[in-house]
Protein backbone atom coordinates (compact mmCIF):
# COMPACT_ATOMS: atom_id res chain seq x y z
CA UNK A 1 0.00 0.00 0.00
CA UNK A 2 1.54 3.29 -1.13
CA UNK A 3 0.23 6.76 -0.35
CA UNK A 4 1.43 9.57 -2.61
CA UNK A 5 0.62 13.26 -2.28
CA UNK A 6 1.49 15.68 -5.07
CA UNK A 7 0.29 18.94 -6.60
CA UNK A 8 -2.23 18.24 -9.32
CA UNK A 9 -4.01 19.98 -12.16
CA UNK A 10 -6.72 17.30 -11.96
CA UNK A 11 -9.25 19.45 -10.16
CA UNK A 12 -12.05 17.05 -11.10
CA UNK A 13 -10.56 14.35 -8.84
CA UNK A 14 -10.21 16.87 -6.00
CA UNK A 15 -13.75 18.11 -6.60
CA UNK A 16 -15.17 14.57 -6.51
CA UNK A 17 -13.46 13.83 -3.19
CA UNK A 18 -14.64 17.11 -1.65
CA UNK A 19 -18.20 16.44 -2.79
CA UNK A 20 -18.10 12.92 -1.33
CA UNK A 21 -16.74 14.09 2.05
CA UNK A 22 -18.05 17.59 2.62
CA UNK A 23 -21.29 17.67 0.62
CA UNK A 24 -22.55 14.08 0.82
CA UNK A 25 -21.08 12.88 4.13
CA UNK A 26 -21.13 16.11 6.14
CA UNK A 27 -24.13 17.70 4.39
CA UNK A 28 -22.42 21.00 3.59
CA UNK A 29 -24.35 22.76 0.80
CA UNK A 30 -22.63 22.43 -2.57
CA UNK A 31 -22.90 26.20 -3.08
CA UNK A 32 -20.76 26.73 0.06
CA UNK A 33 -18.06 24.18 -0.75
CA UNK A 34 -16.45 25.76 -3.80
CA UNK A 35 -15.27 29.36 -4.06
CA UNK A 36 -12.94 31.70 -5.93
CA UNK A 37 -9.95 30.45 -3.90
CA UNK A 38 -10.13 27.22 -5.89
CA UNK A 39 -9.11 29.20 -8.97
CA UNK A 40 -5.85 30.41 -7.41
CA UNK A 41 -4.94 27.64 -4.95
CA UNK A 42 -2.49 24.84 -5.47
CA UNK A 43 -4.44 21.59 -5.18
CA UNK A 44 -2.90 18.51 -3.62
CA UNK A 45 -4.14 15.04 -4.50
CA UNK A 46 -3.46 12.00 -2.33
CA UNK A 47 -3.56 8.61 -3.98
CA UNK A 48 -3.53 5.20 -2.38
CA UNK A 49 -2.20 2.58 -4.78
CA UNK A 50 -2.84 5.07 -7.62
CA UNK A 51 -6.49 5.70 -6.63
CA UNK A 52 -7.46 9.27 -5.60
CA UNK A 53 -8.45 9.23 -1.90
CA UNK A 54 -7.76 12.68 -0.45
CA UNK A 55 -7.20 16.31 -1.26
CA UNK A 56 -6.23 19.69 0.16
CA UNK A 57 -5.63 23.16 -1.19
CA UNK A 58 -2.84 25.62 -0.38
CA UNK A 59 -2.77 29.34 -1.02
CA UNK A 60 -1.21 32.57 0.24
CA UNK A 61 -3.14 35.40 1.84
CA UNK A 62 -1.57 38.33 3.62
CA UNK A 63 1.83 36.69 3.93
CA UNK A 64 0.44 33.50 5.49
CA UNK A 65 0.15 30.09 3.84
CA UNK A 66 -3.31 28.59 4.22
CA UNK A 67 -3.94 24.87 4.03
CA UNK A 68 -7.59 24.04 3.66
CA UNK A 69 -10.33 21.75 2.41
CA UNK A 70 -8.33 18.80 3.76
CA UNK A 71 -10.37 15.64 3.37
CA UNK A 72 -9.96 11.90 2.94
CA UNK A 73 -12.47 9.39 1.66
CA UNK A 74 -13.84 7.10 4.40
CA UNK A 75 -12.23 3.93 2.99
CA UNK A 76 -8.76 5.52 3.19
CA UNK A 77 -8.98 6.94 6.70
CA UNK A 78 -6.64 5.70 9.44
CA UNK A 79 -3.90 5.17 6.84
CA UNK A 80 -2.03 8.45 7.48
CA UNK A 81 -3.40 10.04 4.29
CA UNK A 82 -4.52 13.17 6.17
CA UNK A 83 -1.13 13.50 7.84
CA UNK A 84 0.64 13.21 4.49
CA UNK A 85 -1.66 15.85 3.01
CA UNK A 86 -0.87 18.30 5.82
CA UNK A 87 2.88 17.64 5.59
CA UNK A 88 2.76 18.19 1.83
CA UNK A 89 0.79 21.39 2.47
CA UNK A 90 3.50 22.58 4.87
CA UNK A 91 6.12 21.87 2.21
CA UNK A 92 4.10 23.92 -0.29
CA UNK A 93 3.88 26.83 2.16
CA UNK A 94 7.67 26.65 2.70
CA UNK A 95 8.18 26.60 -1.08
CA UNK A 96 6.18 29.85 -1.24
CA UNK A 97 8.73 31.34 1.16
CA UNK A 98 6.14 31.98 3.85
CA UNK A 99 7.01 31.79 7.57
CA UNK A 100 3.62 30.64 8.88
CA UNK A 101 0.96 28.10 7.96
CA UNK A 102 -2.65 28.42 9.04
CA UNK A 103 -5.67 26.18 8.85
CA UNK A 104 -9.20 26.25 10.24
CA UNK A 105 -10.30 22.75 11.22
CA UNK A 106 -13.60 21.49 12.48
CA UNK A 107 -13.60 21.23 16.26
CA UNK A 108 -13.31 17.43 16.36
CA UNK A 109 -10.11 17.53 14.27
CA UNK A 110 -8.16 19.96 16.50
CA UNK A 111 -6.20 17.19 18.33
CA UNK A 112 -5.05 15.78 14.97
CA UNK A 113 -3.57 19.14 13.95
CA UNK A 114 -2.07 19.72 17.40
CA UNK A 115 -0.09 16.50 16.92
CA UNK A 116 1.30 18.07 13.73
CA UNK A 117 2.50 21.18 15.58
CA UNK A 118 -0.41 23.55 15.04
CA UNK A 119 -1.62 25.76 17.91
CA UNK A 120 -5.25 26.85 18.22
CA UNK A 121 -6.08 30.51 18.84
CA UNK A 122 -9.14 32.70 19.02
CA UNK A 123 -12.74 31.70 19.53
CA UNK A 124 -14.72 28.96 17.88
CA UNK A 125 -16.85 30.14 14.97
CA UNK A 126 -19.56 28.61 12.84
CA UNK A 127 -18.79 27.62 9.25
CA UNK A 128 -21.56 25.78 7.39
CA UNK A 129 -23.16 24.83 10.70
CA UNK A 130 -19.97 23.21 12.08
CA UNK A 131 -17.77 24.72 14.83
CA UNK A 132 -14.27 25.63 13.60
CA UNK A 133 -11.20 27.19 15.20
CA UNK A 134 -8.15 28.81 13.61
CA UNK A 135 -4.76 27.19 14.12
CA UNK A 136 -1.24 28.29 13.18
CA UNK A 137 2.20 26.80 12.94
CA UNK A 138 5.47 28.63 12.45
CA UNK A 139 7.78 27.07 9.89
C-alpha atoms as a PDB file:
ATOM      1  CA  UNK A   1       0.000   0.000   0.000  1.00  0.00           C
ATOM      2  CA  UNK A   2       1.545   3.293  -1.135  1.00  0.00           C
ATOM      3  CA  UNK A   3       0.232   6.762  -0.350  1.00  0.00           C
ATOM      4  CA  UNK A   4       1.428   9.567  -2.611  1.00  0.00           C
ATOM      5  CA  UNK A   5       0.616  13.264  -2.281  1.00  0.00           C
ATOM      6  CA  UNK A   6       1.488  15.678  -5.066  1.00  0.00           C
ATOM      7  CA  UNK A   7       0.292  18.936  -6.596  1.00  0.00           C
ATOM      8  CA  UNK A   8      -2.229  18.239  -9.317  1.00  0.00           C
ATOM      9  CA  UNK A   9      -4.006  19.983 -12.161  1.00  0.00           C
ATOM     10  CA  UNK A  10      -6.725  17.302 -11.960  1.00  0.00           C
ATOM     11  CA  UNK A  11      -9.255  19.454 -10.160  1.00  0.00           C
ATOM     12  CA  UNK A  12     -12.048  17.051 -11.102  1.00  0.00           C
ATOM     13  CA  UNK A  13     -10.562  14.346  -8.841  1.00  0.00           C
ATOM     14  CA  UNK A  14     -10.212  16.872  -6.000  1.00  0.00           C
ATOM     15  CA  UNK A  15     -13.750  18.106  -6.598  1.00  0.00           C
ATOM     16  CA  UNK A  16     -15.170  14.574  -6.513  1.00  0.00           C
ATOM     17  CA  UNK A  17     -13.456  13.833  -3.193  1.00  0.00           C
ATOM     18  CA  UNK A  18     -14.644  17.107  -1.646  1.00  0.00           C
ATOM     19  CA  UNK A  19     -18.202  16.437  -2.787  1.00  0.00           C
ATOM     20  CA  UNK A  20     -18.104  12.924  -1.326  1.00  0.00           C
ATOM     21  CA  UNK A  21     -16.736  14.087   2.049  1.00  0.00           C
ATOM     22  CA  UNK A  22     -18.052  17.585   2.623  1.00  0.00           C
ATOM     23  CA  UNK A  23     -21.291  17.670   0.622  1.00  0.00           C
ATOM     24  CA  UNK A  24     -22.554  14.082   0.817  1.00  0.00           C
ATOM     25  CA  UNK A  25     -21.078  12.880   4.126  1.00  0.00           C
ATOM     26  CA  UNK A  26     -21.134  16.114   6.137  1.00  0.00           C
ATOM     27  CA  UNK A  27     -24.130  17.703   4.389  1.00  0.00           C
ATOM     28  CA  UNK A  28     -22.425  21.004   3.588  1.00  0.00           C
ATOM     29  CA  UNK A  29     -24.352  22.758   0.796  1.00  0.00           C
ATOM     30  CA  UNK A  30     -22.635  22.429  -2.574  1.00  0.00           C
ATOM     31  CA  UNK A  31     -22.896  26.198  -3.081  1.00  0.00           C
ATOM     32  CA  UNK A  32     -20.755  26.734   0.060  1.00  0.00           C
ATOM     33  CA  UNK A  33     -18.060  24.176  -0.750  1.00  0.00           C
ATOM     34  CA  UNK A  34     -16.447  25.760  -3.805  1.00  0.00           C
ATOM     35  CA  UNK A  35     -15.268  29.360  -4.059  1.00  0.00           C
ATOM     36  CA  UNK A  36     -12.938  31.699  -5.931  1.00  0.00           C
ATOM     37  CA  UNK A  37      -9.952  30.454  -3.897  1.00  0.00           C
ATOM     38  CA  UNK A  38     -10.129  27.221  -5.889  1.00  0.00           C
ATOM     39  CA  UNK A  39      -9.113  29.204  -8.974  1.00  0.00           C
ATOM     40  CA  UNK A  40      -5.847  30.409  -7.411  1.00  0.00           C
ATOM     41  CA  UNK A  41      -4.945  27.643  -4.948  1.00  0.00           C
ATOM     42  CA  UNK A  42      -2.486  24.837  -5.474  1.00  0.00           C
ATOM     43  CA  UNK A  43      -4.437  21.588  -5.178  1.00  0.00           C
ATOM     44  CA  UNK A  44      -2.896  18.508  -3.620  1.00  0.00           C
ATOM     45  CA  UNK A  45      -4.143  15.038  -4.495  1.00  0.00           C
ATOM     46  CA  UNK A  46      -3.459  11.999  -2.332  1.00  0.00           C
ATOM     47  CA  UNK A  47      -3.557   8.610  -3.984  1.00  0.00           C
ATOM     48  CA  UNK A  48      -3.530   5.196  -2.385  1.00  0.00           C
ATOM     49  CA  UNK A  49      -2.205   2.579  -4.781  1.00  0.00           C
ATOM     50  CA  UNK A  50      -2.840   5.069  -7.623  1.00  0.00           C
ATOM     51  CA  UNK A  51      -6.491   5.696  -6.631  1.00  0.00           C
ATOM     52  CA  UNK A  52      -7.462   9.268  -5.598  1.00  0.00           C
ATOM     53  CA  UNK A  53      -8.454   9.225  -1.904  1.00  0.00           C
ATOM     54  CA  UNK A  54      -7.758  12.682  -0.451  1.00  0.00           C
ATOM     55  CA  UNK A  55      -7.200  16.308  -1.262  1.00  0.00           C
ATOM     56  CA  UNK A  56      -6.233  19.688   0.163  1.00  0.00           C
ATOM     57  CA  UNK A  57      -5.629  23.161  -1.191  1.00  0.00           C
ATOM     58  CA  UNK A  58      -2.836  25.616  -0.383  1.00  0.00           C
ATOM     59  CA  UNK A  59      -2.772  29.345  -1.017  1.00  0.00           C
ATOM     60  CA  UNK A  60      -1.211  32.571   0.242  1.00  0.00           C
ATOM     61  CA  UNK A  61      -3.142  35.395   1.840  1.00  0.00           C
ATOM     62  CA  UNK A  62      -1.572  38.330   3.623  1.00  0.00           C
ATOM     63  CA  UNK A  63       1.834  36.690   3.933  1.00  0.00           C
ATOM     64  CA  UNK A  64       0.443  33.498   5.490  1.00  0.00           C
ATOM     65  CA  UNK A  65       0.149  30.092   3.836  1.00  0.00           C
ATOM     66  CA  UNK A  66      -3.309  28.594   4.216  1.00  0.00           C
ATOM     67  CA  UNK A  67      -3.944  24.869   4.026  1.00  0.00           C
ATOM     68  CA  UNK A  68      -7.593  24.036   3.660  1.00  0.00           C
ATOM     69  CA  UNK A  69     -10.329  21.746   2.410  1.00  0.00           C
ATOM     70  CA  UNK A  70      -8.331  18.800   3.755  1.00  0.00           C
ATOM     71  CA  UNK A  71     -10.367  15.643   3.368  1.00  0.00           C
ATOM     72  CA  UNK A  72      -9.956  11.904   2.944  1.00  0.00           C
ATOM     73  CA  UNK A  73     -12.475   9.387   1.657  1.00  0.00           C
ATOM     74  CA  UNK A  74     -13.843   7.102   4.397  1.00  0.00           C
ATOM     75  CA  UNK A  75     -12.234   3.933   2.989  1.00  0.00           C
ATOM     76  CA  UNK A  76      -8.759   5.520   3.194  1.00  0.00           C
ATOM     77  CA  UNK A  77      -8.984   6.936   6.704  1.00  0.00           C
ATOM     78  CA  UNK A  78      -6.636   5.702   9.440  1.00  0.00           C
ATOM     79  CA  UNK A  79      -3.904   5.165   6.837  1.00  0.00           C
ATOM     80  CA  UNK A  80      -2.035   8.446   7.478  1.00  0.00           C
ATOM     81  CA  UNK A  81      -3.398  10.038   4.289  1.00  0.00           C
ATOM     82  CA  UNK A  82      -4.522  13.168   6.175  1.00  0.00           C
ATOM     83  CA  UNK A  83      -1.130  13.499   7.840  1.00  0.00           C
ATOM     84  CA  UNK A  84       0.640  13.214   4.492  1.00  0.00           C
ATOM     85  CA  UNK A  85      -1.662  15.855   3.011  1.00  0.00           C
ATOM     86  CA  UNK A  86      -0.867  18.300   5.824  1.00  0.00           C
ATOM     87  CA  UNK A  87       2.883  17.638   5.593  1.00  0.00           C
ATOM     88  CA  UNK A  88       2.756  18.195   1.828  1.00  0.00           C
ATOM     89  CA  UNK A  89       0.794  21.392   2.469  1.00  0.00           C
ATOM     90  CA  UNK A  90       3.499  22.576   4.874  1.00  0.00           C
ATOM     91  CA  UNK A  91       6.120  21.868   2.207  1.00  0.00           C
ATOM     92  CA  UNK A  92       4.099  23.916  -0.292  1.00  0.00           C
ATOM     93  CA  UNK A  93       3.878  26.827   2.160  1.00  0.00           C
ATOM     94  CA  UNK A  94       7.667  26.647   2.703  1.00  0.00           C
ATOM     95  CA  UNK A  95       8.180  26.602  -1.077  1.00  0.00           C
ATOM     96  CA  UNK A  96       6.177  29.854  -1.242  1.00  0.00           C
ATOM     97  CA  UNK A  97       8.734  31.344   1.156  1.00  0.00           C
ATOM     98  CA  UNK A  98       6.145  31.982   3.852  1.00  0.00           C
ATOM     99  CA  UNK A  99       7.009  31.792   7.566  1.00  0.00           C
ATOM    100  CA  UNK A 100       3.621  30.645   8.876  1.00  0.00           C
ATOM    101  CA  UNK A 101       0.962  28.103   7.962  1.00  0.00           C
ATOM    102  CA  UNK A 102      -2.652  28.415   9.036  1.00  0.00           C
ATOM    103  CA  UNK A 103      -5.669  26.175   8.855  1.00  0.00           C
ATOM    104  CA  UNK A 104      -9.199  26.250  10.238  1.00  0.00           C
ATOM    105  CA  UNK A 105     -10.300  22.754  11.217  1.00  0.00           C
ATOM    106  CA  UNK A 106     -13.596  21.493  12.476  1.00  0.00           C
ATOM    107  CA  UNK A 107     -13.600  21.231  16.256  1.00  0.00           C
ATOM    108  CA  UNK A 108     -13.313  17.432  16.359  1.00  0.00           C
ATOM    109  CA  UNK A 109     -10.107  17.534  14.269  1.00  0.00           C
ATOM    110  CA  UNK A 110      -8.158  19.955  16.496  1.00  0.00           C
ATOM    111  CA  UNK A 111      -6.197  17.195  18.327  1.00  0.00           C
ATOM    112  CA  UNK A 112      -5.046  15.776  14.966  1.00  0.00           C
ATOM    113  CA  UNK A 113      -3.566  19.137  13.952  1.00  0.00           C
ATOM    114  CA  UNK A 114      -2.068  19.723  17.396  1.00  0.00           C
ATOM    115  CA  UNK A 115      -0.085  16.497  16.919  1.00  0.00           C
ATOM    116  CA  UNK A 116       1.304  18.070  13.731  1.00  0.00           C
ATOM    117  CA  UNK A 117       2.503  21.177  15.585  1.00  0.00           C
ATOM    118  CA  UNK A 118      -0.409  23.554  15.037  1.00  0.00           C
ATOM    119  CA  UNK A 119      -1.616  25.757  17.908  1.00  0.00           C
ATOM    120  CA  UNK A 120      -5.247  26.854  18.216  1.00  0.00           C
ATOM    121  CA  UNK A 121      -6.079  30.505  18.839  1.00  0.00           C
ATOM    122  CA  UNK A 122      -9.141  32.699  19.015  1.00  0.00           C
ATOM    123  CA  UNK A 123     -12.737  31.696  19.532  1.00  0.00           C
ATOM    124  CA  UNK A 124     -14.725  28.961  17.876  1.00  0.00           C
ATOM    125  CA  UNK A 125     -16.849  30.137  14.966  1.00  0.00           C
ATOM    126  CA  UNK A 126     -19.556  28.610  12.836  1.00  0.00           C
ATOM    127  CA  UNK A 127     -18.792  27.616   9.253  1.00  0.00           C
ATOM    128  CA  UNK A 128     -21.562  25.783   7.392  1.00  0.00           C
ATOM    129  CA  UNK A 129     -23.156  24.833  10.699  1.00  0.00           C
ATOM    130  CA  UNK A 130     -19.973  23.213  12.076  1.00  0.00           C
ATOM    131  CA  UNK A 131     -17.768  24.720  14.833  1.00  0.00           C
ATOM    132  CA  UNK A 132     -14.265  25.629  13.596  1.00  0.00           C
ATOM    133  CA  UNK A 133     -11.203  27.188  15.197  1.00  0.00           C
ATOM    134  CA  UNK A 134      -8.150  28.806  13.610  1.00  0.00           C
ATOM    135  CA  UNK A 135      -4.762  27.189  14.120  1.00  0.00           C
ATOM    136  CA  UNK A 136      -1.238  28.294  13.180  1.00  0.00           C
ATOM    137  CA  UNK A 137       2.201  26.801  12.940  1.00  0.00           C
ATOM    138  CA  UNK A 138       5.471  28.634  12.452  1.00  0.00           C
ATOM    139  CA  UNK A 139       7.781  27.074   9.885  1.00  0.00           C
END
